[in-house]
C-alpha atoms as a PDB file:
ATOM      1  CA  UNK A   1      33.246  59.667  35.268  1.00  0.00           C
ATOM      2  CA  UNK A   2      32.727  57.968  31.976  1.00  0.00           C
ATOM      3  CA  UNK A   3      29.758  55.797  31.164  1.00  0.00           C
ATOM      4  CA  UNK A   4      31.877  52.635  31.434  1.00  0.00           C
ATOM      5  CA  UNK A   5      33.050  53.569  34.939  1.00  0.00           C
ATOM      6  CA  UNK A   6      29.443  54.263  35.929  1.00  0.00           C
ATOM      7  CA  UNK A   7      28.316  50.840  34.683  1.00  0.00           C
ATOM      8  CA  UNK A   8      31.187  49.051  36.417  1.00  0.00           C
ATOM      9  CA  UNK A   9      30.519  50.962  39.637  1.00  0.00           C
ATOM     10  CA  UNK A  10      26.842  50.085  39.494  1.00  0.00           C
ATOM     11  CA  UNK A  11      27.572  46.386  38.919  1.00  0.00           C
ATOM     12  CA  UNK A  12      30.006  46.284  41.826  1.00  0.00           C
ATOM     13  CA  UNK A  13      27.560  48.115  44.099  1.00  0.00           C
ATOM     14  CA  UNK A  14      24.641  45.881  43.152  1.00  0.00           C
ATOM     15  CA  UNK A  15      26.743  42.739  43.626  1.00  0.00           C
ATOM     16  CA  UNK A  16      27.735  43.759  47.144  1.00  0.00           C
ATOM     17  CA  UNK A  17      24.150  44.797  47.862  1.00  0.00           C
ATOM     18  CA  UNK A  18      22.934  41.341  46.759  1.00  0.00           C
ATOM     19  CA  UNK A  19      25.428  39.641  49.089  1.00  0.00           C
ATOM     20  CA  UNK A  20      24.420  41.848  52.004  1.00  0.00           C
ATOM     21  CA  UNK A  21      21.148  40.144  52.996  1.00  0.00           C
ATOM     22  CA  UNK A  22      22.327  36.510  53.172  1.00  0.00           C
ATOM     23  CA  UNK A  23      25.550  37.452  54.947  1.00  0.00           C
ATOM     24  CA  UNK A  24      23.676  39.488  57.557  1.00  0.00           C
ATOM     25  CA  UNK A  25      21.283  36.575  58.140  1.00  0.00           C
ATOM     26  CA  UNK A  26      24.234  34.250  58.724  1.00  0.00           C
ATOM     27  CA  UNK A  27      25.976  36.759  61.004  1.00  0.00           C
ATOM     28  CA  UNK A  28      22.831  37.162  63.119  1.00  0.00           C
ATOM     29  CA  UNK A  29      23.028  33.469  63.989  1.00  0.00           C
ATOM     30  CA  UNK A  30      26.332  34.100  65.762  1.00  0.00           C
ATOM     31  CA  UNK A  31      26.216  37.700  67.012  1.00  0.00           C
ATOM     32  CA  UNK A  32      23.904  40.101  68.806  1.00  0.00           C
ATOM     33  CA  UNK A  33      22.016  42.458  66.406  1.00  0.00           C
ATOM     34  CA  UNK A  34      23.383  45.609  68.070  1.00  0.00           C
ATOM     35  CA  UNK A  35      26.960  44.365  67.906  1.00  0.00           C
ATOM     36  CA  UNK A  36      26.453  43.558  64.229  1.00  0.00           C
ATOM     37  CA  UNK A  37      24.989  47.017  63.587  1.00  0.00           C
ATOM     38  CA  UNK A  38      27.962  48.757  65.248  1.00  0.00           C
ATOM     39  CA  UNK A  39      30.395  46.614  63.283  1.00  0.00           C
ATOM     40  CA  UNK A  40      28.634  47.394  59.988  1.00  0.00           C
ATOM     41  CA  UNK A  41      28.605  51.136  60.686  1.00  0.00           C
ATOM     42  CA  UNK A  42      32.321  51.133  61.534  1.00  0.00           C
ATOM     43  CA  UNK A  43      33.117  49.030  58.472  1.00  0.00           C
ATOM     44  CA  UNK A  44      31.137  51.393  56.222  1.00  0.00           C
ATOM     45  CA  UNK A  45      32.779  54.472  57.772  1.00  0.00           C
ATOM     46  CA  UNK A  46      36.299  53.123  57.210  1.00  0.00           C
ATOM     47  CA  UNK A  47      35.639  52.238  53.585  1.00  0.00           C
ATOM     48  CA  UNK A  48      33.801  55.509  52.929  1.00  0.00           C
ATOM     49  CA  UNK A  49      36.820  57.430  54.199  1.00  0.00           C
ATOM     50  CA  UNK A  50      39.150  55.269  52.126  1.00  0.00           C
ATOM     51  CA  UNK A  51      37.147  55.826  48.952  1.00  0.00           C
ATOM     52  CA  UNK A  52      36.305  59.507  49.403  1.00  0.00           C
ATOM     53  CA  UNK A  53      39.336  60.852  51.318  1.00  0.00           C
ATOM     54  CA  UNK A  54      40.346  63.243  48.549  1.00  0.00           C
ATOM     55  CA  UNK A  55      36.827  64.695  48.233  1.00  0.00           C
ATOM     56  CA  UNK A  56      36.336  65.416  51.943  1.00  0.00           C
ATOM     57  CA  UNK A  57      36.957  69.057  52.839  1.00  0.00           C
ATOM     58  CA  UNK A  58      37.173  70.272  56.427  1.00  0.00           C
ATOM     59  CA  UNK A  59      35.445  73.638  56.977  1.00  0.00           C
ATOM     60  CA  UNK A  60      37.847  76.531  57.611  1.00  0.00           C
ATOM     61  CA  UNK A  61      36.497  77.187  61.099  1.00  0.00           C
ATOM     62  CA  UNK A  62      37.338  73.647  62.252  1.00  0.00           C
ATOM     63  CA  UNK A  63      41.001  73.649  61.235  1.00  0.00           C
ATOM     64  CA  UNK A  64      42.248  75.539  64.248  1.00  0.00           C
ATOM     65  CA  UNK A  65      43.751  78.952  64.519  1.00  0.00           C
ATOM     66  CA  UNK A  66      41.229  81.780  64.525  1.00  0.00           C
ATOM     67  CA  UNK A  67      37.771  80.453  65.339  1.00  0.00           C
ATOM     68  CA  UNK A  68      34.850  81.937  63.437  1.00  0.00           C
ATOM     69  CA  UNK A  69      31.677  82.693  65.291  1.00  0.00           C
ATOM     70  CA  UNK A  70      28.416  81.066  64.239  1.00  0.00           C
ATOM     71  CA  UNK A  71      26.446  84.097  65.389  1.00  0.00           C
ATOM     72  CA  UNK A  72      25.426  86.544  62.627  1.00  0.00           C
ATOM     73  CA  UNK A  73      25.205  89.503  65.006  1.00  0.00           C
ATOM     74  CA  UNK A  74      28.481  88.924  66.873  1.00  0.00           C
END
């Protein structure tokens, strides 16, 4: 990535990070902390997959077909 893309990415990330604390405090007034935690983890997982879907590589042994053994002596 170029320097400009890095700066823009950092500004976007820091802006969302700055909004995180007050929004969580407001959400805790209405929801249980564990429910909020589960929702945040799911939300982060969905957006992480959306952003990084082209960079994620499934290991060959997990794709099906011939299964490779994890044992070195087998």
